[in-house]
Amino acid sequence: MKNFGLFILGLIIGALVVYFYCCNDANISDPPEIEEPEGLITPSEAMVLDQAYNLRHRIISDSLFSNAPTSDNRSSWYALEDITSYIEYAQEQADSLGYTLDGLRLYAGAYPDTKEGPGLMTMFFIPTGTKNTAQGSLFPIPQGGSNDIQGAKGLNYGQNGHPPGANYPQ
């Protein structure tokens, strides 16, 4: 009976310890603070960059799109789900091709001209990384600089701005 009493007392003390440890607000930590990534710009800085591009866009539009039914694109929009899904896909591609994914490069491109008119500008992502060349190592040692991953598929087909030639902000 004495052992049974100690057993019950131990259960009660254990339950109290667990309760105070797990359920006490003092032990619940706040979510980690998200740090600002490098390279952020303010909306006013974005406006300066956008306005500085106006002359180049005007030259392109006046020379290539003067008779076209629409002006050339100034932006591309991608759904957040598409970008996060592509990053996961790019990671798998990099692994299967023997690379360590370290970023995405954003290229400006243009669709080929058709009978309907000149091809509009587009933006597309290509994964970048370093070739895994270390043999017999638990951790791959990247060799050289970060380049486009050869043979990896890129992400294109974002949506145009509204209208295509619209300036920042839309």
N, C-alpha and C. Protein backbone atom coordinates (compact mmCIF):
# COMPACT_ATOMS: atom_id res chain seq x y z
N MET A 1 0.82 -1.19 0.00
CA MET A 1 0.00 0.00 0.00
C MET A 1 0.86 1.25 0.00
N LYS A 2 2.00 1.17 0.74
CA LYS A 2 2.89 2.32 0.81
C LYS A 2 3.45 2.62 -0.59
N ASN A 3 3.83 1.56 -1.32
CA ASN A 3 4.35 1.75 -2.68
C ASN A 3 3.29 2.31 -3.61
N PHE A 4 2.04 1.88 -3.45
CA PHE A 4 0.96 2.38 -4.28
C PHE A 4 0.73 3.86 -4.03
N GLY A 5 0.83 4.29 -2.78
CA GLY A 5 0.68 5.72 -2.43
C GLY A 5 1.80 6.55 -3.04
N LEU A 6 3.02 6.04 -2.99
CA LEU A 6 4.14 6.75 -3.61
C LEU A 6 3.96 6.81 -5.13
N PHE A 7 3.42 5.72 -5.69
CA PHE A 7 3.18 5.69 -7.13
C PHE A 7 2.17 6.78 -7.52
N ILE A 8 1.07 6.91 -6.79
CA ILE A 8 0.05 7.93 -7.08
C ILE A 8 0.64 9.32 -6.88
N LEU A 9 1.41 9.52 -5.81
CA LEU A 9 2.05 10.81 -5.56
C LEU A 9 3.00 11.16 -6.71
N GLY A 10 3.73 10.18 -7.20
CA GLY A 10 4.65 10.40 -8.33
C GLY A 10 3.89 10.79 -9.59
N LEU A 11 2.76 10.12 -9.84
CA LEU A 11 1.93 10.48 -10.99
C LEU A 11 1.43 11.92 -10.90
N ILE A 12 0.96 12.30 -9.72
CA ILE A 12 0.44 13.66 -9.53
C ILE A 12 1.56 14.69 -9.74
N ILE A 13 2.71 14.45 -9.13
CA ILE A 13 3.84 15.39 -9.29
C ILE A 13 4.28 15.43 -10.75
N GLY A 14 4.36 14.27 -11.40
CA GLY A 14 4.73 14.23 -12.81
C GLY A 14 3.74 14.99 -13.68
N ALA A 15 2.45 14.82 -13.41
CA ALA A 15 1.42 15.53 -14.17
C ALA A 15 1.54 17.03 -13.96
N LEU A 16 1.80 17.47 -12.75
CA LEU A 16 1.96 18.90 -12.47
C LEU A 16 3.19 19.47 -13.18
N VAL A 17 4.27 18.72 -13.17
CA VAL A 17 5.49 19.18 -13.85
C VAL A 17 5.23 19.32 -15.34
N VAL A 18 4.59 18.31 -15.92
CA VAL A 18 4.27 18.37 -17.35
C VAL A 18 3.34 19.53 -17.63
N TYR A 19 2.32 19.73 -16.79
CA TYR A 19 1.38 20.83 -16.99
C TYR A 19 2.11 22.17 -16.97
N PHE A 20 2.92 22.40 -15.96
CA PHE A 20 3.61 23.69 -15.84
C PHE A 20 4.67 23.87 -16.91
N TYR A 21 5.27 22.79 -17.34
CA TYR A 21 6.30 22.89 -18.37
C TYR A 21 5.68 23.12 -19.75
N CYS A 22 4.65 22.38 -20.08
CA CYS A 22 4.05 22.45 -21.42
C CYS A 22 3.00 23.53 -21.57
N CYS A 23 2.27 23.81 -20.54
CA CYS A 23 1.11 24.67 -20.68
C CYS A 23 1.29 26.06 -20.09
N ASN A 24 2.44 26.34 -19.54
CA ASN A 24 2.70 27.65 -18.95
C ASN A 24 3.09 28.62 -20.04
N ASP A 25 2.44 29.77 -20.09
CA ASP A 25 2.73 30.79 -21.12
C ASP A 25 4.17 31.28 -21.06
N ALA A 26 4.81 31.20 -19.90
CA ALA A 26 6.18 31.67 -19.80
C ALA A 26 7.12 30.81 -20.63
N ASN A 27 6.77 29.54 -20.86
CA ASN A 27 7.63 28.65 -21.63
C ASN A 27 7.33 28.67 -23.12
N ILE A 28 6.22 29.27 -23.50
CA ILE A 28 5.88 29.34 -24.92
C ILE A 28 6.62 30.54 -25.51
N SER A 29 7.51 30.23 -26.42
CA SER A 29 8.31 31.31 -27.00
C SER A 29 7.56 31.94 -28.17
N ASP A 30 7.84 33.19 -28.42
CA ASP A 30 7.27 33.88 -29.56
C ASP A 30 7.86 33.29 -30.83
N PRO A 31 7.11 33.35 -31.92
CA PRO A 31 7.68 32.84 -33.17
C PRO A 31 8.94 33.62 -33.52
N PRO A 32 9.86 32.98 -34.21
CA PRO A 32 11.11 33.68 -34.52
C PRO A 32 10.83 34.89 -35.41
N GLU A 33 11.57 35.94 -35.16
CA GLU A 33 11.42 37.16 -35.95
C GLU A 33 12.03 36.94 -37.33
N ILE A 34 11.29 37.32 -38.35
CA ILE A 34 11.78 37.16 -39.72
C ILE A 34 12.69 38.34 -40.04
N GLU A 35 13.91 38.01 -40.45
CA GLU A 35 14.87 39.04 -40.78
C GLU A 35 14.66 39.51 -42.21
N GLU A 36 14.91 40.79 -42.44
CA GLU A 36 14.80 41.33 -43.78
C GLU A 36 15.93 40.78 -44.65
N PRO A 37 15.60 40.29 -45.84
CA PRO A 37 16.66 39.81 -46.73
C PRO A 37 17.46 40.98 -47.29
N GLU A 38 18.67 40.68 -47.72
CA GLU A 38 19.50 41.71 -48.34
C GLU A 38 18.90 42.08 -49.69
N GLY A 39 19.09 43.32 -50.09
CA GLY A 39 18.66 43.76 -51.40
C GLY A 39 17.27 44.35 -51.45
N LEU A 40 16.60 44.51 -50.30
CA LEU A 40 15.28 45.10 -50.32
C LEU A 40 15.36 46.56 -50.76
N ILE A 41 14.36 47.01 -51.49
CA ILE A 41 14.28 48.41 -51.87
C ILE A 41 12.92 48.95 -51.44
N THR A 42 12.88 50.25 -51.24
CA THR A 42 11.63 50.90 -50.83
C THR A 42 10.76 51.13 -52.07
N PRO A 43 9.49 51.38 -51.86
CA PRO A 43 8.64 51.70 -53.01
C PRO A 43 9.14 52.92 -53.80
N SER A 44 9.70 53.91 -53.12
CA SER A 44 10.22 55.07 -53.85
C SER A 44 11.45 54.70 -54.68
N GLU A 45 12.29 53.79 -54.17
CA GLU A 45 13.43 53.32 -54.96
C GLU A 45 12.95 52.51 -56.17
N ALA A 46 11.89 51.71 -55.98
CA ALA A 46 11.32 50.97 -57.10
C ALA A 46 10.79 51.93 -58.16
N MET A 47 10.18 53.02 -57.72
CA MET A 47 9.67 54.03 -58.65
C MET A 47 10.81 54.65 -59.46
N VAL A 48 11.94 54.93 -58.83
CA VAL A 48 13.10 55.50 -59.53
C VAL A 48 13.60 54.52 -60.59
N LEU A 49 13.73 53.24 -60.23
CA LEU A 49 14.19 52.24 -61.19
C LEU A 49 13.21 52.12 -62.36
N ASP A 50 11.93 52.11 -62.05
CA ASP A 50 10.91 52.00 -63.09
C ASP A 50 10.96 53.21 -64.03
N GLN A 51 11.07 54.39 -63.48
CA GLN A 51 11.10 55.60 -64.30
C GLN A 51 12.38 55.66 -65.14
N ALA A 52 13.48 55.17 -64.60
CA ALA A 52 14.74 55.18 -65.35
C ALA A 52 14.68 54.25 -66.56
N TYR A 53 13.79 53.27 -66.52
CA TYR A 53 13.63 52.33 -67.63
C TYR A 53 12.73 52.90 -68.73
N ASN A 54 12.01 53.97 -68.45
CA ASN A 54 11.05 54.52 -69.41
C ASN A 54 11.65 54.79 -70.78
N LEU A 55 12.82 55.42 -70.85
CA LEU A 55 13.43 55.76 -72.13
C LEU A 55 13.72 54.49 -72.93
N ARG A 56 14.29 53.49 -72.29
CA ARG A 56 14.58 52.24 -72.99
C ARG A 56 13.29 51.59 -73.50
N HIS A 57 12.27 51.58 -72.67
CA HIS A 57 11.01 50.98 -73.06
C HIS A 57 10.39 51.76 -74.24
N ARG A 58 10.48 53.06 -74.18
CA ARG A 58 9.94 53.89 -75.26
C ARG A 58 10.67 53.61 -76.57
N ILE A 59 12.00 53.49 -76.53
CA ILE A 59 12.78 53.21 -77.73
C ILE A 59 12.38 51.85 -78.31
N ILE A 60 12.24 50.85 -77.46
CA ILE A 60 11.84 49.52 -77.91
C ILE A 60 10.43 49.57 -78.50
N SER A 61 9.51 50.19 -77.78
CA SER A 61 8.12 50.24 -78.24
C SER A 61 7.98 51.03 -79.54
N ASP A 62 8.67 52.16 -79.64
CA ASP A 62 8.56 52.98 -80.85
C ASP A 62 9.16 52.29 -82.06
N SER A 63 10.25 51.54 -81.85
CA SER A 63 10.90 50.92 -83.00
C SER A 63 10.29 49.56 -83.37
N LEU A 64 9.86 48.78 -82.40
CA LEU A 64 9.36 47.43 -82.68
C LEU A 64 7.85 47.29 -82.62
N PHE A 65 7.20 48.14 -81.86
CA PHE A 65 5.78 47.96 -81.61
C PHE A 65 4.92 49.13 -82.10
N SER A 66 5.46 49.95 -83.01
CA SER A 66 4.71 51.13 -83.45
C SER A 66 3.41 50.75 -84.15
N ASN A 67 3.37 49.65 -84.87
CA ASN A 67 2.15 49.21 -85.57
C ASN A 67 1.49 48.02 -84.89
N ALA A 68 1.96 47.63 -83.74
CA ALA A 68 1.43 46.45 -83.05
C ALA A 68 0.13 46.80 -82.33
N PRO A 69 -0.74 45.83 -82.15
CA PRO A 69 -2.00 46.09 -81.47
C PRO A 69 -1.85 46.37 -79.97
N THR A 70 -0.71 46.01 -79.39
CA THR A 70 -0.48 46.26 -77.97
C THR A 70 0.97 46.67 -77.76
N SER A 71 1.23 47.31 -76.64
CA SER A 71 2.61 47.69 -76.33
C SER A 71 3.33 46.50 -75.70
N ASP A 72 4.65 46.60 -75.61
CA ASP A 72 5.44 45.52 -75.04
C ASP A 72 5.24 45.46 -73.53
N ASN A 73 5.52 44.29 -72.96
CA ASN A 73 5.38 44.10 -71.52
C ASN A 73 6.43 44.89 -70.76
N ARG A 74 6.06 45.34 -69.57
CA ARG A 74 6.99 45.97 -68.66
C ARG A 74 7.17 45.12 -67.40
N SER A 75 6.34 44.12 -67.24
CA SER A 75 6.41 43.30 -66.03
C SER A 75 5.83 41.93 -66.30
N SER A 76 6.13 41.01 -65.42
CA SER A 76 5.51 39.68 -65.42
C SER A 76 5.07 39.39 -64.00
N TRP A 77 3.92 38.75 -63.87
CA TRP A 77 3.39 38.39 -62.56
C TRP A 77 3.32 36.88 -62.45
N TYR A 78 3.79 36.35 -61.32
CA TYR A 78 3.75 34.92 -61.03
C TYR A 78 3.02 34.71 -59.71
N ALA A 79 2.15 33.72 -59.68
CA ALA A 79 1.46 33.38 -58.44
C ALA A 79 2.48 32.85 -57.44
N LEU A 80 2.29 33.19 -56.17
CA LEU A 80 3.19 32.72 -55.12
C LEU A 80 3.27 31.20 -55.10
N GLU A 81 2.15 30.55 -55.30
CA GLU A 81 2.12 29.08 -55.33
C GLU A 81 3.00 28.54 -56.46
N ASP A 82 2.97 29.21 -57.63
CA ASP A 82 3.80 28.76 -58.75
C ASP A 82 5.29 28.91 -58.43
N ILE A 83 5.65 30.00 -57.78
CA ILE A 83 7.06 30.23 -57.45
C ILE A 83 7.55 29.24 -56.40
N THR A 84 6.77 29.04 -55.34
CA THR A 84 7.21 28.10 -54.30
C THR A 84 7.27 26.68 -54.85
N SER A 85 6.30 26.33 -55.69
CA SER A 85 6.31 25.01 -56.31
C SER A 85 7.54 24.86 -57.23
N TYR A 86 7.86 25.93 -57.96
CA TYR A 86 9.03 25.87 -58.84
C TYR A 86 10.32 25.74 -58.04
N ILE A 87 10.43 26.42 -56.93
CA ILE A 87 11.65 26.32 -56.11
C ILE A 87 11.83 24.87 -55.64
N GLU A 88 10.76 24.23 -55.21
CA GLU A 88 10.84 22.82 -54.80
C GLU A 88 11.25 21.94 -55.99
N TYR A 89 10.66 22.21 -57.16
CA TYR A 89 10.98 21.45 -58.36
C TYR A 89 12.45 21.67 -58.76
N ALA A 90 12.90 22.93 -58.70
CA ALA A 90 14.29 23.25 -59.05
C ALA A 90 15.26 22.56 -58.10
N GLN A 91 14.89 22.45 -56.83
CA GLN A 91 15.74 21.76 -55.86
C GLN A 91 15.90 20.29 -56.25
N GLU A 92 14.79 19.65 -56.62
CA GLU A 92 14.85 18.26 -57.05
C GLU A 92 15.66 18.10 -58.32
N GLN A 93 15.47 19.03 -59.28
CA GLN A 93 16.26 18.98 -60.53
C GLN A 93 17.74 19.10 -60.23
N ALA A 94 18.09 20.08 -59.40
CA ALA A 94 19.50 20.29 -59.07
C ALA A 94 20.10 19.04 -58.45
N ASP A 95 19.39 18.45 -57.51
CA ASP A 95 19.89 17.22 -56.87
C ASP A 95 20.10 16.11 -57.90
N SER A 96 19.12 15.93 -58.78
CA SER A 96 19.22 14.84 -59.75
C SER A 96 20.30 15.09 -60.81
N LEU A 97 20.61 16.36 -61.06
CA LEU A 97 21.65 16.70 -62.04
C LEU A 97 23.03 16.85 -61.41
N GLY A 98 23.12 16.65 -60.08
CA GLY A 98 24.40 16.71 -59.39
C GLY A 98 24.84 18.11 -59.03
N TYR A 99 23.89 19.00 -58.74
CA TYR A 99 24.19 20.38 -58.37
C TYR A 99 23.66 20.67 -56.98
N THR A 100 24.21 21.73 -56.39
CA THR A 100 23.66 22.29 -55.16
C THR A 100 22.97 23.59 -55.56
N LEU A 101 21.64 23.62 -55.45
CA LEU A 101 20.86 24.81 -55.81
C LEU A 101 21.20 25.93 -54.85
N ASP A 102 21.51 27.12 -55.38
CA ASP A 102 21.80 28.25 -54.51
C ASP A 102 21.05 29.52 -54.89
N GLY A 103 20.24 29.46 -55.93
CA GLY A 103 19.49 30.66 -56.28
C GLY A 103 18.72 30.49 -57.58
N LEU A 104 18.11 31.56 -58.00
CA LEU A 104 17.40 31.63 -59.26
C LEU A 104 17.87 32.87 -60.00
N ARG A 105 18.11 32.74 -61.29
CA ARG A 105 18.47 33.89 -62.12
C ARG A 105 17.23 34.29 -62.90
N LEU A 106 16.95 35.57 -62.96
CA LEU A 106 15.80 36.09 -63.70
C LEU A 106 16.30 36.70 -65.00
N TYR A 107 15.82 36.15 -66.11
CA TYR A 107 16.22 36.63 -67.43
C TYR A 107 15.08 37.41 -68.08
N ALA A 108 15.44 38.40 -68.86
CA ALA A 108 14.49 39.07 -69.75
C ALA A 108 14.59 38.36 -71.10
N GLY A 109 13.45 38.07 -71.69
CA GLY A 109 13.40 37.40 -72.99
C GLY A 109 12.27 37.97 -73.81
N ALA A 110 12.09 37.43 -75.01
CA ALA A 110 10.98 37.84 -75.87
C ALA A 110 10.53 36.64 -76.67
N TYR A 111 9.23 36.56 -76.88
CA TYR A 111 8.67 35.50 -77.72
C TYR A 111 8.99 35.82 -79.17
N PRO A 112 9.11 34.81 -80.01
CA PRO A 112 9.38 35.06 -81.43
C PRO A 112 8.23 35.82 -82.07
N ASP A 113 8.57 36.59 -83.10
CA ASP A 113 7.55 37.31 -83.86
C ASP A 113 6.65 36.30 -84.57
N THR A 114 5.37 36.66 -84.73
CA THR A 114 4.41 35.82 -85.44
C THR A 114 3.71 36.66 -86.50
N LYS A 115 2.81 36.04 -87.23
CA LYS A 115 2.03 36.76 -88.24
C LYS A 115 1.17 37.84 -87.59
N GLU A 116 0.78 37.62 -86.33
CA GLU A 116 -0.06 38.59 -85.61
C GLU A 116 0.72 39.81 -85.16
N GLY A 117 2.03 39.73 -85.11
CA GLY A 117 2.84 40.87 -84.70
C GLY A 117 4.10 40.44 -83.98
N PRO A 118 4.84 41.42 -83.49
CA PRO A 118 6.09 41.11 -82.80
C PRO A 118 5.83 40.43 -81.47
N GLY A 119 6.77 39.56 -81.08
CA GLY A 119 6.66 38.85 -79.81
C GLY A 119 6.89 39.78 -78.64
N LEU A 120 6.07 39.61 -77.62
CA LEU A 120 6.20 40.46 -76.44
C LEU A 120 7.30 39.96 -75.51
N MET A 121 7.77 40.87 -74.68
CA MET A 121 8.81 40.57 -73.70
C MET A 121 8.25 39.62 -72.64
N THR A 122 9.11 38.80 -72.08
CA THR A 122 8.75 37.93 -70.96
C THR A 122 9.92 37.90 -69.98
N MET A 123 9.68 37.42 -68.81
CA MET A 123 10.73 37.20 -67.81
C MET A 123 10.65 35.73 -67.44
N PHE A 124 11.82 35.09 -67.26
CA PHE A 124 11.82 33.68 -66.87
C PHE A 124 12.94 33.40 -65.89
N PHE A 125 12.67 32.43 -65.03
CA PHE A 125 13.62 32.02 -63.99
C PHE A 125 14.39 30.79 -64.46
N ILE A 126 15.67 30.75 -64.15
CA ILE A 126 16.53 29.59 -64.37
C ILE A 126 17.24 29.31 -63.04
N PRO A 127 17.25 28.05 -62.60
CA PRO A 127 17.94 27.74 -61.35
C PRO A 127 19.45 27.84 -61.51
N THR A 128 20.10 28.29 -60.46
CA THR A 128 21.56 28.39 -60.45
C THR A 128 22.11 27.52 -59.32
N GLY A 129 23.35 27.12 -59.50
CA GLY A 129 23.97 26.32 -58.47
C GLY A 129 25.39 25.97 -58.82
N THR A 130 25.97 25.15 -57.99
CA THR A 130 27.34 24.70 -58.19
C THR A 130 27.33 23.19 -58.34
N LYS A 131 28.19 22.71 -59.20
CA LYS A 131 28.30 21.28 -59.46
C LYS A 131 28.90 20.60 -58.24
N ASN A 132 28.31 19.51 -57.83
CA ASN A 132 28.84 18.72 -56.72
C ASN A 132 29.97 17.85 -57.27
N THR A 133 31.20 18.17 -56.89
CA THR A 133 32.33 17.42 -57.42
C THR A 133 33.09 16.67 -56.35
N ALA A 134 32.77 16.90 -55.08
CA ALA A 134 33.48 16.21 -54.01
C ALA A 134 33.08 14.75 -53.98
N GLN A 135 34.04 13.87 -53.83
CA GLN A 135 33.78 12.44 -53.78
C GLN A 135 33.99 11.95 -52.34
N GLY A 136 33.10 11.10 -51.89
CA GLY A 136 33.26 10.47 -50.58
C GLY A 136 33.13 11.43 -49.42
N SER A 137 32.38 12.51 -49.59
CA SER A 137 32.22 13.47 -48.53
C SER A 137 30.77 13.49 -48.08
N LEU A 138 30.54 13.67 -46.80
CA LEU A 138 29.19 13.77 -46.28
C LEU A 138 28.54 15.06 -46.75
N PHE A 139 29.34 16.13 -46.86
CA PHE A 139 28.82 17.42 -47.29
C PHE A 139 29.48 17.78 -48.61
N PRO A 140 28.67 18.03 -49.69
CA PRO A 140 29.28 18.40 -50.96
C PRO A 140 29.98 19.75 -50.85
N ILE A 141 31.15 19.84 -51.44
CA ILE A 141 31.91 21.08 -51.42
C ILE A 141 31.72 21.76 -52.77
N PRO A 142 31.02 22.92 -52.78
CA PRO A 142 30.82 23.60 -54.05
C PRO A 142 32.15 24.05 -54.65
N GLN A 143 32.29 23.86 -55.95
CA GLN A 143 33.51 24.24 -56.64
C GLN A 143 33.18 25.36 -57.62
N GLY A 144 33.90 26.45 -57.59
CA GLY A 144 33.70 27.53 -58.55
C GLY A 144 32.51 28.40 -58.20
N GLY A 145 32.11 29.26 -59.17
CA GLY A 145 31.03 30.21 -58.96
C GLY A 145 29.68 29.61 -59.27
N SER A 146 28.66 30.39 -58.99
CA SER A 146 27.29 29.95 -59.21
C SER A 146 26.88 30.25 -60.64
N ASN A 147 26.55 29.21 -61.39
CA ASN A 147 26.14 29.35 -62.78
C ASN A 147 24.77 28.76 -62.96
N ASP A 148 24.20 28.98 -64.14
CA ASP A 148 22.94 28.33 -64.48
C ASP A 148 23.17 26.82 -64.44
N ILE A 149 22.18 26.10 -63.96
CA ILE A 149 22.27 24.65 -63.92
C ILE A 149 21.95 24.12 -65.31
N GLN A 150 22.94 23.54 -65.93
CA GLN A 150 22.79 23.03 -67.29
C GLN A 150 21.78 21.90 -67.33
N GLY A 151 20.82 21.98 -68.25
CA GLY A 151 19.82 20.95 -68.41
C GLY A 151 18.60 21.13 -67.53
N ALA A 152 18.59 22.14 -66.66
CA ALA A 152 17.44 22.35 -65.78
C ALA A 152 16.36 23.16 -66.50
N LYS A 153 15.11 22.85 -66.20
CA LYS A 153 13.99 23.56 -66.79
C LYS A 153 13.75 24.86 -66.04
N GLY A 154 13.41 25.91 -66.80
CA GLY A 154 13.12 27.21 -66.21
C GLY A 154 11.63 27.41 -65.99
N LEU A 155 11.28 28.51 -65.34
CA LEU A 155 9.89 28.89 -65.10
C LEU A 155 9.56 30.12 -65.92
N ASN A 156 8.55 30.01 -66.79
CA ASN A 156 8.10 31.12 -67.63
C ASN A 156 6.58 31.19 -67.53
N TYR A 157 6.01 31.93 -68.40
CA TYR A 157 4.56 32.06 -68.54
C TYR A 157 3.90 32.74 -67.35
N GLY A 158 4.55 33.79 -66.86
CA GLY A 158 3.87 34.65 -65.91
C GLY A 158 2.84 35.46 -66.67
N GLN A 159 2.04 36.19 -65.97
CA GLN A 159 1.02 37.01 -66.62
C GLN A 159 1.57 38.41 -66.86
N ASN A 160 1.11 39.02 -67.95
CA ASN A 160 1.53 40.38 -68.30
C ASN A 160 0.98 41.38 -67.29
N GLY A 161 1.56 42.57 -67.33
CA GLY A 161 1.00 43.67 -66.55
C GLY A 161 -0.34 44.08 -67.15
N HIS A 162 -1.07 44.92 -66.46
CA HIS A 162 -2.39 45.37 -66.93
C HIS A 162 -2.41 46.88 -67.01
N PRO A 163 -2.30 47.48 -68.16
CA PRO A 163 -1.98 46.89 -69.46
C PRO A 163 -0.52 46.48 -69.49
N PRO A 164 -0.10 45.76 -70.57
CA PRO A 164 1.27 45.25 -70.62
C PRO A 164 2.33 46.34 -70.40
N GLY A 165 2.09 47.54 -70.90
CA GLY A 165 3.10 48.60 -70.78
C GLY A 165 2.97 49.44 -69.52
N ALA A 166 2.19 49.00 -68.54
CA ALA A 166 1.95 49.80 -67.34
C ALA A 166 3.21 49.92 -66.51
N ASN A 167 3.39 51.12 -65.94
CA ASN A 167 4.52 51.39 -65.05
C ASN A 167 4.22 50.90 -63.64
N TYR A 168 5.27 50.94 -62.81
CA TYR A 168 5.15 50.65 -61.37
C TYR A 168 4.53 51.85 -60.70
N PRO A 169 3.67 51.69 -59.74
CA PRO A 169 3.00 50.47 -59.31
C PRO A 169 1.75 50.21 -60.15
N GLN A 170 1.34 48.97 -60.21
CA GLN A 170 0.13 48.60 -60.96
C GLN A 170 -1.02 48.40 -60.00
